[in-house]
């Protein structure tokens, strides 16, 4: 795989950073994650850190050196991150009121075999940009996105809509999220795959985003766009995070059969899980404790009693 990667986070005008981003790679696969801890809820940064660490652990366990089933991998990893946030919230006594529990959005993308596969929960976005145009992007889990999709408001109006900060889905809430079915695209040479928090995309128009990327290397274009987002957001500037790749390989041949299993035909151990019970991933205590051991170091900085 040949690609150039760029990532950066800025605190904006917030008192502390609640965004988390990370990427991991093997010789045959690249996995990228952006999580945006929800500022209106206690310990949003902890929820985002747990999510990133849980997804990274899943990739390290399953990329041998590629992931066998991208659909199942993304669905299971994101769902387990939600379960882990709930478990750690209770274990560490982070909040007394479940309505204010640690929560986060997430967008995750797996690149292998010349394809990008992705899923998300909330309003952290993924864009695939080709030839100066947005080939596809994720559709936010928000009331505003529903209004846009219904044709009731224009996309340009979203930035000033009074419900722009409301989410319909997140990780860590009392109700399990409906993890978005995996989407995929066959990558072409010079494609850009961009993951970001709403602090990055929110203040920018689509035209500003595309013009800022046109004809520039990522290491020059993205810092300029980060600065533009900060300037346009002004004193209410959110945390800003972006993680992107410039793809340098030529497009692989089109597959003769399906690349992944559609979610409505997923294996029984995934399809049969209830979407209403908090332990819907049915993780055993041993599973949870094993994953906690892997992310213990990352959590120490958020738990003063363990310092």
C-alpha atoms as a PDB file:
ATOM      1  CA  UNK A   1       0.000   0.000   0.000  1.00  0.00           C
ATOM      2  CA  UNK A   2       1.242   3.451  -0.908  1.00  0.00           C
ATOM      3  CA  UNK A   3      -0.218   6.476   0.818  1.00  0.00           C
ATOM      4  CA  UNK A   4       0.643   9.706   2.598  1.00  0.00           C
ATOM      5  CA  UNK A   5      -0.981  10.256   5.996  1.00  0.00           C
ATOM      6  CA  UNK A   6      -1.572  13.393   8.052  1.00  0.00           C
ATOM      7  CA  UNK A   7      -3.177  13.911  11.458  1.00  0.00           C
ATOM      8  CA  UNK A   8      -3.539  16.862  13.817  1.00  0.00           C
ATOM      9  CA  UNK A   9      -5.714  17.915  16.762  1.00  0.00           C
ATOM     10  CA  UNK A  10      -6.171  21.409  18.171  1.00  0.00           C
ATOM     11  CA  UNK A  11      -7.884  22.402  21.387  1.00  0.00           C
ATOM     12  CA  UNK A  12      -9.712  25.406  19.901  1.00  0.00           C
ATOM     13  CA  UNK A  13     -11.279  27.618  22.552  1.00  0.00           C
ATOM     14  CA  UNK A  14     -12.248  24.754  24.869  1.00  0.00           C
ATOM     15  CA  UNK A  15     -10.623  24.285  28.304  1.00  0.00           C
ATOM     16  CA  UNK A  16      -9.293  20.837  27.418  1.00  0.00           C
ATOM     17  CA  UNK A  17      -9.030  18.387  24.537  1.00  0.00           C
ATOM     18  CA  UNK A  18     -11.776  15.752  24.267  1.00  0.00           C
ATOM     19  CA  UNK A  19     -11.018  14.574  20.727  1.00  0.00           C
ATOM     20  CA  UNK A  20      -8.919  11.471  20.207  1.00  0.00           C
ATOM     21  CA  UNK A  21      -7.472  10.155  16.954  1.00  0.00           C
ATOM     22  CA  UNK A  22      -5.155   7.295  16.095  1.00  0.00           C
ATOM     23  CA  UNK A  23      -4.055   5.005  13.301  1.00  0.00           C
ATOM     24  CA  UNK A  24      -2.400   1.599  13.119  1.00  0.00           C
ATOM     25  CA  UNK A  25      -1.002  -0.377  10.220  1.00  0.00           C
ATOM     26  CA  UNK A  26       0.316  -3.741   9.117  1.00  0.00           C
ATOM     27  CA  UNK A  27       1.931  -4.420   5.753  1.00  0.00           C
ATOM     28  CA  UNK A  28      -1.524  -5.096   4.263  1.00  0.00           C
ATOM     29  CA  UNK A  29      -3.940  -2.920   6.233  1.00  0.00           C
ATOM     30  CA  UNK A  30      -4.382   0.556   7.694  1.00  0.00           C
ATOM     31  CA  UNK A  31      -6.949   1.406  10.368  1.00  0.00           C
ATOM     32  CA  UNK A  32      -7.912   4.994  11.261  1.00  0.00           C
ATOM     33  CA  UNK A  33     -10.171   6.248  14.073  1.00  0.00           C
ATOM     34  CA  UNK A  34     -11.435   9.649  15.193  1.00  0.00           C
ATOM     35  CA  UNK A  35     -13.504   9.913  18.389  1.00  0.00           C
ATOM     36  CA  UNK A  36     -15.040  13.168  19.651  1.00  0.00           C
ATOM     37  CA  UNK A  37     -15.844  13.100  23.377  1.00  0.00           C
ATOM     38  CA  UNK A  38     -19.111  14.905  24.006  1.00  0.00           C
ATOM     39  CA  UNK A  39     -18.453  18.145  25.851  1.00  0.00           C
ATOM     40  CA  UNK A  40     -21.894  18.334  27.414  1.00  0.00           C
ATOM     41  CA  UNK A  41     -21.281  15.111  29.315  1.00  0.00           C
ATOM     42  CA  UNK A  42     -18.844  14.336  32.116  1.00  0.00           C
ATOM     43  CA  UNK A  43     -15.564  12.668  31.112  1.00  0.00           C
ATOM     44  CA  UNK A  44     -16.196  12.798  27.364  1.00  0.00           C
ATOM     45  CA  UNK A  45     -12.427  12.543  26.920  1.00  0.00           C
ATOM     46  CA  UNK A  46     -12.417   9.239  28.802  1.00  0.00           C
ATOM     47  CA  UNK A  47     -15.146   7.857  26.524  1.00  0.00           C
ATOM     48  CA  UNK A  48     -13.163   8.928  23.455  1.00  0.00           C
ATOM     49  CA  UNK A  49      -9.928   7.410  24.801  1.00  0.00           C
ATOM     50  CA  UNK A  50     -11.608   4.105  25.650  1.00  0.00           C
ATOM     51  CA  UNK A  51     -13.093   3.994  22.141  1.00  0.00           C
ATOM     52  CA  UNK A  52      -9.777   4.603  20.407  1.00  0.00           C
ATOM     53  CA  UNK A  53      -7.940   2.075  22.579  1.00  0.00           C
ATOM     54  CA  UNK A  54     -10.656  -0.557  22.225  1.00  0.00           C
ATOM     55  CA  UNK A  55     -10.705  -0.240  18.419  1.00  0.00           C
ATOM     56  CA  UNK A  56      -6.920  -0.261  18.235  1.00  0.00           C
ATOM     57  CA  UNK A  57      -6.809  -3.433  20.326  1.00  0.00           C
ATOM     58  CA  UNK A  58      -9.351  -5.079  18.012  1.00  0.00           C
ATOM     59  CA  UNK A  59      -7.260  -4.217  14.956  1.00  0.00           C
ATOM     60  CA  UNK A  60      -4.057  -5.554  16.483  1.00  0.00           C
ATOM     61  CA  UNK A  61      -5.845  -8.807  17.313  1.00  0.00           C
ATOM     62  CA  UNK A  62      -7.517  -9.308  13.918  1.00  0.00           C
ATOM     63  CA  UNK A  63      -5.145  -7.873  11.298  1.00  0.00           C
ATOM     64  CA  UNK A  64      -3.080 -10.972  10.419  1.00  0.00           C
ATOM     65  CA  UNK A  65      -1.888  -8.991   8.440  1.00  0.00           C
ATOM     66  CA  UNK A  66      -5.314  -8.047   6.961  1.00  0.00           C
ATOM     67  CA  UNK A  67      -8.760  -8.239   8.559  1.00  0.00           C
ATOM     68  CA  UNK A  68     -10.694 -11.290   7.394  1.00  0.00           C
ATOM     69  CA  UNK A  69     -14.179  -9.730   7.518  1.00  0.00           C
ATOM     70  CA  UNK A  70     -14.268  -5.895   7.490  1.00  0.00           C
ATOM     71  CA  UNK A  71     -18.040  -5.755   8.092  1.00  0.00           C
ATOM     72  CA  UNK A  72     -18.000  -7.905  11.186  1.00  0.00           C
ATOM     73  CA  UNK A  73     -14.784  -6.310  12.439  1.00  0.00           C
ATOM     74  CA  UNK A  74     -16.148  -2.750  12.382  1.00  0.00           C
ATOM     75  CA  UNK A  75     -19.563  -3.694  13.763  1.00  0.00           C
ATOM     76  CA  UNK A  76     -18.122  -5.743  16.612  1.00  0.00           C
ATOM     77  CA  UNK A  77     -15.296  -3.353  17.515  1.00  0.00           C
ATOM     78  CA  UNK A  78     -17.528  -0.267  17.703  1.00  0.00           C
ATOM     79  CA  UNK A  79     -20.203  -2.145  19.639  1.00  0.00           C
ATOM     80  CA  UNK A  80     -17.663  -3.415  22.141  1.00  0.00           C
ATOM     81  CA  UNK A  81     -16.298   0.095  22.591  1.00  0.00           C
ATOM     82  CA  UNK A  82     -19.782   1.171  23.684  1.00  0.00           C
ATOM     83  CA  UNK A  83     -19.978  -1.755  26.120  1.00  0.00           C
ATOM     84  CA  UNK A  84     -16.511  -0.925  27.461  1.00  0.00           C
ATOM     85  CA  UNK A  85     -17.471   2.712  28.124  1.00  0.00           C
ATOM     86  CA  UNK A  86     -20.498   1.560  30.125  1.00  0.00           C
ATOM     87  CA  UNK A  87     -18.396  -0.936  32.061  1.00  0.00           C
ATOM     88  CA  UNK A  88     -15.674   1.576  32.908  1.00  0.00           C
ATOM     89  CA  UNK A  89     -18.229   4.229  33.847  1.00  0.00           C
ATOM     90  CA  UNK A  90     -19.700   1.885  36.451  1.00  0.00           C
ATOM     91  CA  UNK A  91     -16.358   0.426  37.539  1.00  0.00           C
ATOM     92  CA  UNK A  92     -14.699   3.788  38.171  1.00  0.00           C
ATOM     93  CA  UNK A  93     -17.823   5.542  39.471  1.00  0.00           C
ATOM     94  CA  UNK A  94     -17.312   8.342  36.965  1.00  0.00           C
ATOM     95  CA  UNK A  95     -20.860   9.700  37.279  1.00  0.00           C
ATOM     96  CA  UNK A  96     -23.846   9.229  39.518  1.00  0.00           C
ATOM     97  CA  UNK A  97     -26.381  10.354  36.928  1.00  0.00           C
ATOM     98  CA  UNK A  98     -26.633   8.133  33.841  1.00  0.00           C
ATOM     99  CA  UNK A  99     -28.021  11.062  31.841  1.00  0.00           C
ATOM    100  CA  UNK A 100     -24.588  12.687  32.154  1.00  0.00           C
ATOM    101  CA  UNK A 101     -22.453   9.601  31.517  1.00  0.00           C
ATOM    102  CA  UNK A 102     -19.256   9.691  29.411  1.00  0.00           C
ATOM    103  CA  UNK A 103     -20.169   9.692  25.724  1.00  0.00           C
ATOM    104  CA  UNK A 104     -18.444  10.040  22.392  1.00  0.00           C
ATOM    105  CA  UNK A 105     -18.937   9.932  18.652  1.00  0.00           C
ATOM    106  CA  UNK A 106     -16.694   7.816  16.455  1.00  0.00           C
ATOM    107  CA  UNK A 107     -15.771   7.295  12.825  1.00  0.00           C
ATOM    108  CA  UNK A 108     -13.510   4.392  11.840  1.00  0.00           C
ATOM    109  CA  UNK A 109     -12.018   3.405   8.483  1.00  0.00           C
ATOM    110  CA  UNK A 110     -10.190   0.240   7.469  1.00  0.00           C
ATOM    111  CA  UNK A 111      -8.108   0.331   4.267  1.00  0.00           C
ATOM    112  CA  UNK A 112      -6.931  -2.925   2.699  1.00  0.00           C
ATOM    113  CA  UNK A 113      -6.895  -4.687  -0.674  1.00  0.00           C
ATOM    114  CA  UNK A 114      -7.352  -1.340  -2.427  1.00  0.00           C
ATOM    115  CA  UNK A 115     -10.653  -0.616  -0.660  1.00  0.00           C
ATOM    116  CA  UNK A 116     -11.742   1.684   2.153  1.00  0.00           C
ATOM    117  CA  UNK A 117     -14.368   0.336   4.564  1.00  0.00           C
ATOM    118  CA  UNK A 118     -15.949   2.514   7.202  1.00  0.00           C
ATOM    119  CA  UNK A 119     -18.620   2.864   9.847  1.00  0.00           C
ATOM    120  CA  UNK A 120     -19.538   5.574  12.330  1.00  0.00           C
ATOM    121  CA  UNK A 121     -21.784   6.685  15.167  1.00  0.00           C
ATOM    122  CA  UNK A 122     -22.700  10.350  15.659  1.00  0.00           C
ATOM    123  CA  UNK A 123     -21.454  13.339  13.688  1.00  0.00           C
ATOM    124  CA  UNK A 124     -17.750  12.694  13.261  1.00  0.00           C
ATOM    125  CA  UNK A 125     -17.382  12.373   9.503  1.00  0.00           C
ATOM    126  CA  UNK A 126     -15.566  10.529   6.755  1.00  0.00           C
ATOM    127  CA  UNK A 127     -15.131  12.047   3.300  1.00  0.00           C
ATOM    128  CA  UNK A 128     -13.828  10.377   0.151  1.00  0.00           C
ATOM    129  CA  UNK A 129     -12.675  13.091  -2.249  1.00  0.00           C
ATOM    130  CA  UNK A 130     -11.850  12.319  -5.882  1.00  0.00           C
ATOM    131  CA  UNK A 131     -10.889  14.734  -8.661  1.00  0.00           C
ATOM    132  CA  UNK A 132     -11.785  17.755  -6.553  1.00  0.00           C
ATOM    133  CA  UNK A 133     -15.272  16.486  -5.691  1.00  0.00           C
ATOM    134  CA  UNK A 134     -16.810  14.734  -2.706  1.00  0.00           C
ATOM    135  CA  UNK A 135     -17.403  11.191  -3.920  1.00  0.00           C
ATOM    136  CA  UNK A 136     -19.188  10.249  -0.706  1.00  0.00           C
ATOM    137  CA  UNK A 137     -19.415  11.228   2.935  1.00  0.00           C
ATOM    138  CA  UNK A 138     -21.061   9.868   6.047  1.00  0.00           C
ATOM    139  CA  UNK A 139     -24.541  11.144   6.921  1.00  0.00           C
ATOM    140  CA  UNK A 140     -24.590  12.534  10.472  1.00  0.00           C
ATOM    141  CA  UNK A 141     -26.808  10.947  13.101  1.00  0.00           C
ATOM    142  CA  UNK A 142     -28.470  14.279  13.877  1.00  0.00           C
ATOM    143  CA  UNK A 143     -31.893  15.913  13.540  1.00  0.00           C
ATOM    144  CA  UNK A 144     -30.304  18.507  11.254  1.00  0.00           C
ATOM    145  CA  UNK A 145     -29.076  15.808   8.859  1.00  0.00           C
ATOM    146  CA  UNK A 146     -32.604  14.405   8.748  1.00  0.00           C
ATOM    147  CA  UNK A 147     -33.914  17.846   7.779  1.00  0.00           C
ATOM    148  CA  UNK A 148     -31.281  18.113   5.044  1.00  0.00           C
ATOM    149  CA  UNK A 149     -32.063  14.644   3.709  1.00  0.00           C
ATOM    150  CA  UNK A 150     -35.780  15.497   3.671  1.00  0.00           C
ATOM    151  CA  UNK A 151     -35.071  18.646   1.673  1.00  0.00           C
ATOM    152  CA  UNK A 152     -36.418  20.928   4.412  1.00  0.00           C
ATOM    153  CA  UNK A 153     -33.184  22.899   4.836  1.00  0.00           C
ATOM    154  CA  UNK A 154     -30.072  23.361   2.726  1.00  0.00           C
ATOM    155  CA  UNK A 155     -26.733  21.965   3.867  1.00  0.00           C
ATOM    156  CA  UNK A 156     -25.337  25.485   4.169  1.00  0.00           C
ATOM    157  CA  UNK A 157     -27.933  26.240   6.863  1.00  0.00           C
ATOM    158  CA  UNK A 158     -26.777  23.429   9.143  1.00  0.00           C
ATOM    159  CA  UNK A 159     -23.976  25.456  10.737  1.00  0.00           C
ATOM    160  CA  UNK A 160     -26.427  27.981  12.216  1.00  0.00           C
ATOM    161  CA  UNK A 161     -29.390  25.703  12.932  1.00  0.00           C
ATOM    162  CA  UNK A 162     -30.445  25.763  16.626  1.00  0.00           C
ATOM    163  CA  UNK A 163     -30.348  21.936  16.774  1.00  0.00           C
ATOM    164  CA  UNK A 164     -26.894  21.633  15.168  1.00  0.00           C
ATOM    165  CA  UNK A 165     -25.332  20.165  18.327  1.00  0.00           C
ATOM    166  CA  UNK A 166     -28.011  17.545  19.006  1.00  0.00           C
ATOM    167  CA  UNK A 167     -27.147  13.890  18.365  1.00  0.00           C
ATOM    168  CA  UNK A 168     -29.417  10.914  17.761  1.00  0.00           C
ATOM    169  CA  UNK A 169     -26.663   8.314  18.262  1.00  0.00           C
ATOM    170  CA  UNK A 170     -23.500   8.090  20.350  1.00  0.00           C
ATOM    171  CA  UNK A 171     -21.358   5.630  22.282  1.00  0.00           C
ATOM    172  CA  UNK A 172     -21.748   5.464  26.066  1.00  0.00           C
ATOM    173  CA  UNK A 173     -25.394   6.494  26.348  1.00  0.00           C
ATOM    174  CA  UNK A 174     -28.081   4.466  28.125  1.00  0.00           C
ATOM    175  CA  UNK A 175     -29.351   3.066  24.827  1.00  0.00           C
ATOM    176  CA  UNK A 176     -27.033   1.003  22.584  1.00  0.00           C
ATOM    177  CA  UNK A 177     -26.226   2.760  19.319  1.00  0.00           C
ATOM    178  CA  UNK A 178     -27.317   1.368  15.985  1.00  0.00           C
ATOM    179  CA  UNK A 179     -23.886   0.946  14.426  1.00  0.00           C
ATOM    180  CA  UNK A 180     -24.015   2.106  10.824  1.00  0.00           C
ATOM    181  CA  UNK A 181     -23.720  -0.747   8.287  1.00  0.00           C
ATOM    182  CA  UNK A 182     -20.262  -0.844   6.746  1.00  0.00           C
ATOM    183  CA  UNK A 183     -19.837   1.195   3.579  1.00  0.00           C
ATOM    184  CA  UNK A 184     -17.016   0.713   1.108  1.00  0.00           C
ATOM    185  CA  UNK A 185     -15.375   2.263  -1.936  1.00  0.00           C
ATOM    186  CA  UNK A 186     -12.686   1.040  -4.323  1.00  0.00           C
ATOM    187  CA  UNK A 187      -9.872   3.562  -4.079  1.00  0.00           C
ATOM    188  CA  UNK A 188      -8.344   5.247  -7.116  1.00  0.00           C
ATOM    189  CA  UNK A 189      -4.960   6.912  -7.378  1.00  0.00           C
ATOM    190  CA  UNK A 190      -4.948  10.391  -5.764  1.00  0.00           C
ATOM    191  CA  UNK A 191      -8.127   9.785  -3.751  1.00  0.00           C
ATOM    192  CA  UNK A 192      -8.289  11.514  -0.376  1.00  0.00           C
ATOM    193  CA  UNK A 193      -9.902   9.758   2.598  1.00  0.00           C
ATOM    194  CA  UNK A 194     -10.532  12.222   5.411  1.00  0.00           C
ATOM    195  CA  UNK A 195     -11.862  11.545   8.928  1.00  0.00           C
ATOM    196  CA  UNK A 196     -12.665  14.475  11.194  1.00  0.00           C
ATOM    197  CA  UNK A 197     -14.582  15.734  14.204  1.00  0.00           C
ATOM    198  CA  UNK A 198     -17.403  18.246  13.821  1.00  0.00           C
ATOM    199  CA  UNK A 199     -15.062  20.953  15.088  1.00  0.00           C
ATOM    200  CA  UNK A 200     -13.251  20.646  11.765  1.00  0.00           C
ATOM    201  CA  UNK A 201     -16.085  20.309   9.262  1.00  0.00           C
ATOM    202  CA  UNK A 202     -18.724  22.369  11.087  1.00  0.00           C
ATOM    203  CA  UNK A 203     -17.381  25.887  10.383  1.00  0.00           C
ATOM    204  CA  UNK A 204     -16.408  25.074   6.776  1.00  0.00           C
ATOM    205  CA  UNK A 205     -18.569  25.179   3.683  1.00  0.00           C
ATOM    206  CA  UNK A 206     -18.215  22.338   1.214  1.00  0.00           C
ATOM    207  CA  UNK A 207     -16.587  24.740  -1.243  1.00  0.00           C
ATOM    208  CA  UNK A 208     -14.036  25.896   1.327  1.00  0.00           C
ATOM    209  CA  UNK A 209     -13.127  22.313   2.146  1.00  0.00           C
ATOM    210  CA  UNK A 210     -12.633  21.321  -1.487  1.00  0.00           C
ATOM    211  CA  UNK A 211     -10.812  24.483  -2.509  1.00  0.00           C
ATOM    212  CA  UNK A 212      -8.526  24.169   0.509  1.00  0.00           C
ATOM    213  CA  UNK A 213      -7.448  20.691  -0.600  1.00  0.00           C
ATOM    214  CA  UNK A 214      -7.187  21.369  -4.331  1.00  0.00           C
ATOM    215  CA  UNK A 215      -3.692  20.983  -5.719  1.00  0.00           C
ATOM    216  CA  UNK A 216      -1.940  20.919  -2.335  1.00  0.00           C
ATOM    217  CA  UNK A 217      -0.155  18.291  -0.295  1.00  0.00           C
ATOM    218  CA  UNK A 218      -1.974  17.233   2.872  1.00  0.00           C
ATOM    219  CA  UNK A 219       0.784  18.564   5.124  1.00  0.00           C
ATOM    220  CA  UNK A 220       0.152  22.064   3.711  1.00  0.00           C
ATOM    221  CA  UNK A 221      -3.588  21.958   2.980  1.00  0.00           C
ATOM    222  CA  UNK A 222      -4.895  20.522   6.236  1.00  0.00           C
ATOM    223  CA  UNK A 223      -3.105  22.872   8.667  1.00  0.00           C
ATOM    224  CA  UNK A 224      -4.489  25.772   6.612  1.00  0.00           C
ATOM    225  CA  UNK A 225      -8.006  24.307   6.829  1.00  0.00           C
ATOM    226  CA  UNK A 226      -7.624  23.725  10.567  1.00  0.00           C
ATOM    227  CA  UNK A 227      -6.727  27.396  10.962  1.00  0.00           C
ATOM    228  CA  UNK A 228      -9.658  28.438   8.784  1.00  0.00           C
ATOM    229  CA  UNK A 229     -12.022  26.348  10.945  1.00  0.00           C
ATOM    230  CA  UNK A 230     -10.643  28.030  14.086  1.00  0.00           C
ATOM    231  CA  UNK A 231     -11.032  31.487  12.573  1.00  0.00           C
ATOM    232  CA  UNK A 232     -14.566  30.932  11.335  1.00  0.00           C
ATOM    233  CA  UNK A 233     -15.692  29.348  14.619  1.00  0.00           C
ATOM    234  CA  UNK A 234     -14.337  32.280  16.622  1.00  0.00           C
ATOM    235  CA  UNK A 235     -14.615  32.300  20.422  1.00  0.00           C
ATOM    236  CA  UNK A 236     -16.896  29.222  20.391  1.00  0.00           C
ATOM    237  CA  UNK A 237     -14.350  27.108  18.537  1.00  0.00           C
ATOM    238  CA  UNK A 238     -14.636  23.425  19.421  1.00  0.00           C
ATOM    239  CA  UNK A 239     -11.798  20.911  19.588  1.00  0.00           C
ATOM    240  CA  UNK A 240     -10.659  20.262  16.019  1.00  0.00           C
ATOM    241  CA  UNK A 241      -9.276  16.972  14.729  1.00  0.00           C
ATOM    242  CA  UNK A 242      -8.518  15.591  11.289  1.00  0.00           C
ATOM    243  CA  UNK A 243      -6.887  12.379  10.053  1.00  0.00           C
ATOM    244  CA  UNK A 244      -6.463  11.856   6.311  1.00  0.00           C
ATOM    245  CA  UNK A 245      -4.630   9.841   3.682  1.00  0.00           C
ATOM    246  CA  UNK A 246      -3.654  10.617   0.110  1.00  0.00           C
ATOM    247  CA  UNK A 247      -3.852   7.299  -1.773  1.00  0.00           C
ATOM    248  CA  UNK A 248      -1.006   6.669  -4.222  1.00  0.00           C
ATOM    249  CA  UNK A 249      -1.827   3.191  -5.573  1.00  0.00           C
ATOM    250  CA  UNK A 250      -3.741   2.622  -8.797  1.00  0.00           C
ATOM    251  CA  UNK A 251      -7.249   1.182  -8.495  1.00  0.00           C
ATOM    252  CA  UNK A 252      -7.394  -2.581  -8.050  1.00  0.00           C
ATOM    253  CA  UNK A 253      -9.442  -4.722 -10.417  1.00  0.00           C
ATOM    254  CA  UNK A 254     -13.145  -4.845  -9.720  1.00  0.00           C
ATOM    255  CA  UNK A 255     -14.099  -7.905  -7.636  1.00  0.00           C
ATOM    256  CA  UNK A 256     -15.913 -10.819  -9.245  1.00  0.00           C
ATOM    257  CA  UNK A 257     -17.994 -11.332  -6.100  1.00  0.00           C
ATOM    258  CA  UNK A 258     -19.063  -9.410  -2.989  1.00  0.00           C
ATOM    259  CA  UNK A 259     -16.155  -8.074  -0.945  1.00  0.00           C
ATOM    260  CA  UNK A 260     -18.002  -8.166   2.369  1.00  0.00           C
ATOM    261  CA  UNK A 261     -21.050  -9.729   3.975  1.00  0.00           C
ATOM    262  CA  UNK A 262     -24.080  -7.383   3.958  1.00  0.00           C
ATOM    263  CA  UNK A 263     -25.221  -6.640   7.489  1.00  0.00           C
ATOM    264  CA  UNK A 264     -28.621  -8.277   6.963  1.00  0.00           C
ATOM    265  CA  UNK A 265     -26.739 -11.488   6.099  1.00  0.00           C
ATOM    266  CA  UNK A 266     -24.226 -11.209   8.913  1.00  0.00           C
ATOM    267  CA  UNK A 267     -23.136 -14.325  10.811  1.00  0.00           C
ATOM    268  CA  UNK A 268     -25.592 -15.539  13.429  1.00  0.00           C
ATOM    269  CA  UNK A 269     -23.385 -14.551  16.357  1.00  0.00           C
ATOM    270  CA  UNK A 270     -23.662 -10.927  15.228  1.00  0.00           C
ATOM    271  CA  UNK A 271     -27.130 -10.892  13.672  1.00  0.00           C
ATOM    272  CA  UNK A 272     -28.764 -12.492  16.698  1.00  0.00           C
ATOM    273  CA  UNK A 273     -27.593  -9.913  19.232  1.00  0.00           C
ATOM    274  CA  UNK A 274     -30.296  -7.797  20.811  1.00  0.00           C
ATOM    275  CA  UNK A 275     -30.070  -4.054  20.148  1.00  0.00           C
ATOM    276  CA  UNK A 276     -31.849  -3.196  23.373  1.00  0.00           C
ATOM    277  CA  UNK A 277     -29.833  -4.789  26.175  1.00  0.00           C
ATOM    278  CA  UNK A 278     -26.779  -2.996  27.622  1.00  0.00           C
ATOM    279  CA  UNK A 279     -24.630  -6.136  27.395  1.00  0.00           C
ATOM    280  CA  UNK A 280     -25.675  -6.753  23.825  1.00  0.00           C
ATOM    281  CA  UNK A 281     -22.195  -7.821  22.809  1.00  0.00           C
ATOM    282  CA  UNK A 282     -22.394 -10.481  25.567  1.00  0.00           C
ATOM    283  CA  UNK A 283     -18.834  -9.890  26.657  1.00  0.00           C
ATOM    284  CA  UNK A 284     -17.719 -12.174  29.453  1.00  0.00           C
ATOM    285  CA  UNK A 285     -15.963 -10.800  32.531  1.00  0.00           C
ATOM    286  CA  UNK A 286     -12.759 -12.379  31.231  1.00  0.00           C
ATOM    287  CA  UNK A 287     -13.150 -10.587  27.885  1.00  0.00           C
ATOM    288  CA  UNK A 288     -13.703  -7.261  29.611  1.00  0.00           C
ATOM    289  CA  UNK A 289     -10.818  -7.687  32.044  1.00  0.00           C
ATOM    290  CA  UNK A 290      -8.457  -8.672  29.224  1.00  0.00           C
ATOM    291  CA  UNK A 291      -9.315  -5.563  27.233  1.00  0.00           C
ATOM    292  CA  UNK A 292      -9.123  -3.374  30.335  1.00  0.00           C
ATOM    293  CA  UNK A 293      -5.578  -4.593  30.933  1.00  0.00           C
ATOM    294  CA  UNK A 294      -4.619  -3.419  27.448  1.00  0.00           C
ATOM    295  CA  UNK A 295      -5.985   0.102  27.934  1.00  0.00           C
ATOM    296  CA  UNK A 296      -5.109   0.507  31.610  1.00  0.00           C
ATOM    297  CA  UNK A 297      -2.169   2.766  30.937  1.00  0.00           C
ATOM    298  CA  UNK A 298      -4.246   5.092  28.761  1.00  0.00           C
ATOM    299  CA  UNK A 299      -6.882   5.393  31.468  1.00  0.00           C
ATOM    300  CA  UNK A 300      -4.462   6.157  34.327  1.00  0.00           C
ATOM    301  CA  UNK A 301      -4.173   9.816  33.410  1.00  0.00           C
ATOM    302  CA  UNK A 302      -7.949  10.174  33.779  1.00  0.00           C
ATOM    303  CA  UNK A 303      -8.093   8.445  37.161  1.00  0.00           C
ATOM    304  CA  UNK A 304      -6.262  10.516  39.820  1.00  0.00           C
ATOM    305  CA  UNK A 305      -6.485   7.762  42.440  1.00  0.00           C
ATOM    306  CA  UNK A 306      -4.256   5.540  40.295  1.00  0.00           C
ATOM    307  CA  UNK A 307      -1.535   8.128  39.709  1.00  0.00           C
END
